[in-house]
Each structure stands twice: as C-alpha cells, then as structure tokens.
N, C-alpha and C. Protein backbone atom coordinates (compact mmCIF):
# COMPACT_ATOMS: atom_id res chain seq x y z
N MET A 1 -54.17 -87.16 41.39
CA MET A 1 -52.75 -87.16 41.68
C MET A 1 -52.04 -88.08 40.70
N ASN A 2 -50.88 -87.66 40.25
CA ASN A 2 -50.11 -88.44 39.31
C ASN A 2 -49.19 -89.40 40.07
N TYR A 3 -49.62 -90.64 40.17
CA TYR A 3 -48.85 -91.62 40.95
C TYR A 3 -47.56 -92.01 40.25
N GLY A 4 -47.50 -91.92 38.93
CA GLY A 4 -46.26 -92.20 38.22
C GLY A 4 -45.18 -91.22 38.63
N TYR A 5 -45.57 -89.97 38.79
CA TYR A 5 -44.66 -88.91 39.24
C TYR A 5 -44.14 -89.22 40.64
N VAL A 6 -45.04 -89.58 41.53
CA VAL A 6 -44.66 -89.91 42.90
C VAL A 6 -43.75 -91.14 42.91
N PHE A 7 -44.07 -92.13 42.09
CA PHE A 7 -43.25 -93.34 42.02
C PHE A 7 -41.84 -93.02 41.52
N ARG A 8 -41.72 -92.18 40.49
CA ARG A 8 -40.40 -91.81 39.97
C ARG A 8 -39.58 -91.07 41.02
N LEU A 9 -40.24 -90.16 41.76
CA LEU A 9 -39.54 -89.42 42.80
C LEU A 9 -39.11 -90.36 43.93
N ALA A 10 -39.99 -91.27 44.33
CA ALA A 10 -39.66 -92.23 45.39
C ALA A 10 -38.53 -93.16 44.94
N ALA A 11 -38.56 -93.62 43.70
CA ALA A 11 -37.50 -94.49 43.20
C ALA A 11 -36.17 -93.75 43.17
N SER A 12 -36.21 -92.52 42.77
CA SER A 12 -34.99 -91.70 42.75
C SER A 12 -34.44 -91.53 44.16
N ALA A 13 -35.33 -91.32 45.12
CA ALA A 13 -34.91 -91.14 46.51
C ALA A 13 -34.37 -92.44 47.11
N VAL A 14 -34.94 -93.58 46.74
CA VAL A 14 -34.46 -94.86 47.25
C VAL A 14 -33.06 -95.15 46.71
N LEU A 15 -32.84 -94.81 45.47
CA LEU A 15 -31.52 -95.05 44.88
C LEU A 15 -30.46 -94.11 45.44
N ARG A 16 -30.88 -92.96 45.94
CA ARG A 16 -29.94 -91.99 46.52
C ARG A 16 -30.45 -91.53 47.88
N PRO A 17 -30.05 -92.20 48.95
CA PRO A 17 -30.56 -91.88 50.29
C PRO A 17 -30.32 -90.42 50.70
N ARG A 18 -29.22 -89.82 50.25
CA ARG A 18 -28.97 -88.43 50.61
C ARG A 18 -30.05 -87.53 50.01
N LEU A 19 -30.49 -87.86 48.79
CA LEU A 19 -31.59 -87.11 48.17
C LEU A 19 -32.86 -87.28 48.99
N ALA A 20 -33.13 -88.49 49.45
CA ALA A 20 -34.33 -88.74 50.25
C ALA A 20 -34.31 -87.88 51.51
N TRP A 21 -33.18 -87.87 52.21
CA TRP A 21 -33.06 -87.07 53.42
C TRP A 21 -33.27 -85.59 53.12
N THR A 22 -32.70 -85.10 52.04
CA THR A 22 -32.86 -83.69 51.68
C THR A 22 -34.31 -83.38 51.34
N LEU A 23 -34.99 -84.26 50.63
CA LEU A 23 -36.40 -84.03 50.30
C LEU A 23 -37.27 -84.01 51.55
N VAL A 24 -36.96 -84.87 52.51
CA VAL A 24 -37.71 -84.87 53.77
C VAL A 24 -37.49 -83.54 54.50
N ARG A 25 -36.24 -83.06 54.54
CA ARG A 25 -35.94 -81.78 55.19
C ARG A 25 -36.67 -80.63 54.51
N ILE A 26 -36.70 -80.65 53.18
CA ILE A 26 -37.39 -79.59 52.43
C ILE A 26 -38.89 -79.63 52.74
N ALA A 27 -39.47 -80.82 52.73
CA ALA A 27 -40.91 -80.94 53.01
C ALA A 27 -41.22 -80.46 54.43
N TRP A 28 -40.36 -80.79 55.38
CA TRP A 28 -40.61 -80.38 56.76
C TRP A 28 -40.53 -78.86 56.90
N ARG A 29 -39.60 -78.23 56.20
CA ARG A 29 -39.47 -76.77 56.27
C ARG A 29 -40.68 -76.07 55.65
N MET A 30 -41.32 -76.70 54.68
CA MET A 30 -42.43 -76.06 53.99
C MET A 30 -43.77 -76.28 54.67
N ARG A 31 -43.81 -77.08 55.71
CA ARG A 31 -45.09 -77.42 56.35
C ARG A 31 -45.77 -76.18 56.93
N ALA A 32 -47.08 -76.26 57.06
CA ALA A 32 -47.83 -75.20 57.72
C ALA A 32 -47.48 -75.21 59.21
N ARG A 33 -47.38 -74.06 59.80
CA ARG A 33 -46.97 -73.99 61.20
C ARG A 33 -47.95 -74.68 62.15
N ASP A 34 -49.22 -74.57 61.88
CA ASP A 34 -50.22 -75.16 62.78
C ASP A 34 -50.86 -76.41 62.16
N TRP A 35 -50.07 -77.22 61.48
CA TRP A 35 -50.60 -78.38 60.78
C TRP A 35 -51.25 -79.39 61.71
N TYR A 36 -50.84 -79.44 62.94
CA TYR A 36 -51.37 -80.42 63.89
C TYR A 36 -52.71 -80.00 64.49
N ARG A 37 -53.17 -78.80 64.15
CA ARG A 37 -54.44 -78.31 64.70
C ARG A 37 -55.62 -78.46 63.75
N LYS A 38 -55.34 -78.69 62.47
CA LYS A 38 -56.39 -78.74 61.46
C LYS A 38 -56.38 -80.08 60.73
N PRO A 39 -57.56 -80.65 60.50
CA PRO A 39 -57.60 -81.88 59.71
C PRO A 39 -57.06 -81.59 58.32
N PRO A 40 -56.39 -82.50 57.73
CA PRO A 40 -56.18 -83.91 58.02
C PRO A 40 -54.99 -84.20 58.93
N PHE A 41 -54.50 -83.22 59.68
CA PHE A 41 -53.42 -83.38 60.65
C PHE A 41 -52.15 -83.94 60.01
N LEU A 42 -51.81 -83.41 58.85
CA LEU A 42 -50.60 -83.80 58.13
C LEU A 42 -49.73 -82.56 57.94
N PRO A 43 -48.42 -82.72 58.01
CA PRO A 43 -47.53 -81.56 57.83
C PRO A 43 -47.38 -81.16 56.36
N LEU A 44 -48.47 -80.64 55.80
CA LEU A 44 -48.47 -80.22 54.40
C LEU A 44 -48.32 -78.71 54.30
N PRO A 45 -47.72 -78.23 53.22
CA PRO A 45 -47.60 -76.78 53.05
C PRO A 45 -48.95 -76.18 52.63
N PRO A 46 -49.20 -74.92 52.98
CA PRO A 46 -50.43 -74.27 52.54
C PRO A 46 -50.46 -74.14 51.01
N ALA A 47 -51.61 -74.32 50.42
CA ALA A 47 -51.75 -74.28 48.96
C ALA A 47 -51.33 -72.93 48.40
N ARG A 48 -51.65 -71.85 49.10
CA ARG A 48 -51.25 -70.51 48.62
C ARG A 48 -49.74 -70.37 48.60
N TYR A 49 -49.07 -70.93 49.58
CA TYR A 49 -47.61 -70.86 49.62
C TYR A 49 -47.00 -71.64 48.46
N VAL A 50 -47.51 -72.84 48.20
CA VAL A 50 -47.00 -73.64 47.09
C VAL A 50 -47.24 -72.92 45.77
N ALA A 51 -48.42 -72.34 45.60
CA ALA A 51 -48.72 -71.59 44.37
C ALA A 51 -47.76 -70.42 44.21
N TRP A 52 -47.48 -69.72 45.29
CA TRP A 52 -46.55 -68.59 45.22
C TRP A 52 -45.14 -69.07 44.86
N ARG A 53 -44.69 -70.18 45.47
CA ARG A 53 -43.36 -70.72 45.16
C ARG A 53 -43.27 -71.14 43.70
N MET A 54 -44.31 -71.77 43.18
CA MET A 54 -44.30 -72.20 41.78
C MET A 54 -44.31 -70.99 40.85
N TYR A 55 -45.08 -69.97 41.22
CA TYR A 55 -45.13 -68.77 40.39
C TYR A 55 -43.78 -68.05 40.36
N THR A 56 -43.13 -67.91 41.51
CA THR A 56 -41.85 -67.21 41.55
C THR A 56 -40.73 -68.03 40.90
N ALA A 57 -40.82 -69.35 40.95
CA ALA A 57 -39.78 -70.18 40.36
C ALA A 57 -39.99 -70.46 38.88
N PHE A 58 -41.24 -70.64 38.46
CA PHE A 58 -41.51 -71.09 37.10
C PHE A 58 -42.42 -70.17 36.30
N GLY A 59 -42.99 -69.15 36.94
CA GLY A 59 -43.84 -68.21 36.21
C GLY A 59 -45.29 -68.63 36.09
N ALA A 60 -45.66 -69.74 36.69
CA ALA A 60 -47.05 -70.21 36.65
C ALA A 60 -47.37 -70.87 37.99
N ALA A 61 -48.44 -70.43 38.61
CA ALA A 61 -48.81 -70.95 39.93
C ALA A 61 -49.22 -72.42 39.89
N ASP A 62 -49.67 -72.89 38.75
CA ASP A 62 -50.12 -74.28 38.65
C ASP A 62 -49.06 -75.22 38.07
N HIS A 63 -47.83 -74.75 37.96
CA HIS A 63 -46.74 -75.57 37.41
C HIS A 63 -46.44 -76.73 38.36
N VAL A 64 -46.22 -77.90 37.78
CA VAL A 64 -45.81 -79.08 38.55
C VAL A 64 -44.39 -79.41 38.11
N PRO A 65 -43.41 -79.21 38.99
CA PRO A 65 -42.03 -79.48 38.59
C PRO A 65 -41.80 -80.96 38.35
N ASP A 66 -40.95 -81.27 37.35
CA ASP A 66 -40.66 -82.68 37.12
C ASP A 66 -39.60 -83.16 38.12
N VAL A 67 -39.34 -84.44 38.09
CA VAL A 67 -38.43 -85.05 39.06
C VAL A 67 -37.04 -84.44 38.95
N ALA A 68 -36.57 -84.18 37.74
CA ALA A 68 -35.23 -83.60 37.56
C ALA A 68 -35.15 -82.22 38.20
N GLU A 69 -36.20 -81.43 38.08
CA GLU A 69 -36.21 -80.10 38.71
C GLU A 69 -36.15 -80.21 40.23
N LEU A 70 -36.89 -81.15 40.79
CA LEU A 70 -36.86 -81.35 42.24
C LEU A 70 -35.49 -81.84 42.70
N GLU A 71 -34.87 -82.70 41.91
CA GLU A 71 -33.53 -83.18 42.26
C GLU A 71 -32.52 -82.03 42.23
N ARG A 72 -32.62 -81.16 41.22
CA ARG A 72 -31.72 -80.00 41.15
C ARG A 72 -31.94 -79.07 42.34
N TYR A 73 -33.20 -78.86 42.70
CA TYR A 73 -33.49 -78.00 43.84
C TYR A 73 -32.93 -78.61 45.12
N ALA A 74 -33.08 -79.92 45.30
CA ALA A 74 -32.55 -80.59 46.49
C ALA A 74 -31.03 -80.48 46.53
N ALA A 75 -30.38 -80.62 45.37
CA ALA A 75 -28.92 -80.46 45.32
C ALA A 75 -28.52 -79.05 45.71
N TRP A 76 -29.28 -78.07 45.25
CA TRP A 76 -28.99 -76.67 45.59
C TRP A 76 -29.18 -76.44 47.10
N VAL A 77 -30.22 -76.99 47.67
CA VAL A 77 -30.45 -76.85 49.12
C VAL A 77 -29.29 -77.46 49.89
N ARG A 78 -28.84 -78.65 49.48
CA ARG A 78 -27.70 -79.29 50.13
C ARG A 78 -26.45 -78.42 50.02
N TRP A 79 -26.20 -77.89 48.82
CA TRP A 79 -25.03 -77.05 48.59
C TRP A 79 -25.09 -75.79 49.45
N MET A 80 -26.25 -75.15 49.51
CA MET A 80 -26.39 -73.94 50.33
C MET A 80 -26.18 -74.26 51.81
N GLY A 81 -26.63 -75.41 52.25
CA GLY A 81 -26.41 -75.82 53.63
C GLY A 81 -24.92 -75.99 53.94
N ARG A 82 -24.19 -76.57 52.99
CA ARG A 82 -22.74 -76.71 53.18
C ARG A 82 -22.06 -75.35 53.21
N MET A 83 -22.47 -74.45 52.34
CA MET A 83 -21.87 -73.11 52.31
C MET A 83 -22.16 -72.36 53.62
N ARG A 84 -23.37 -72.50 54.13
CA ARG A 84 -23.73 -71.85 55.39
C ARG A 84 -22.90 -72.42 56.53
N TRP A 85 -22.68 -73.74 56.52
CA TRP A 85 -21.88 -74.37 57.57
C TRP A 85 -20.44 -73.87 57.51
N ARG A 86 -19.89 -73.74 56.31
CA ARG A 86 -18.52 -73.25 56.17
C ARG A 86 -18.38 -71.84 56.68
N GLU A 87 -19.39 -71.02 56.44
CA GLU A 87 -19.34 -69.63 56.95
C GLU A 87 -19.32 -69.61 58.46
N ARG A 88 -20.10 -70.48 59.08
CA ARG A 88 -20.16 -70.51 60.55
C ARG A 88 -18.89 -71.04 61.17
N THR A 89 -18.22 -71.95 60.50
CA THR A 89 -17.03 -72.57 61.09
C THR A 89 -15.74 -71.86 60.74
N SER A 90 -15.78 -70.89 59.86
CA SER A 90 -14.53 -70.21 59.52
C SER A 90 -14.38 -68.89 60.23
C-alpha cells in the first residue's frame, strides 16, 4: 500500500472538512452489502466492483486514481447531490 498516497488524501481531507465528509459518504456507498458477515469485518468495496469502476472511468482495471482525481470526483458527487436536492424541492 502506498502510504504517501493515503497521507496526501488524509491531509487534503483535514484541510477541507467538507471533502472529508464527502469521501466518507462515497466510501460508505461503495461498501459490500454483507461486509459485517465476512472477515475482516470492514465496510470495504468488493475488489471486482472497484476494478469495474476503474475500468469504466479510466480504461484500466488496475488504475489507481491520484488525489486530484478523487477530489474532482468528490466535488462532482457533492454537486450532483445539490442538483438532486433542488429537483426534489422545486
């Protein structure tokens, strides 16, 4: 595991709490449905799902997005959430 990558993402999230909250929401949505039934009992996404997401987004199943790509995706998720809320309230 690339701890420098994790450190950069964590530092970015600490500097921007809204980004941290969005990343937590994204991670929770991607979790395996029965994560609490199988060891290691962590809400992690299935490897096949992550590979499929990377393939559809970047063209390679083994692609590791950089911090800037994750930040852009989180901003897009936040923006889509606001648009969805506006549709419901109008």
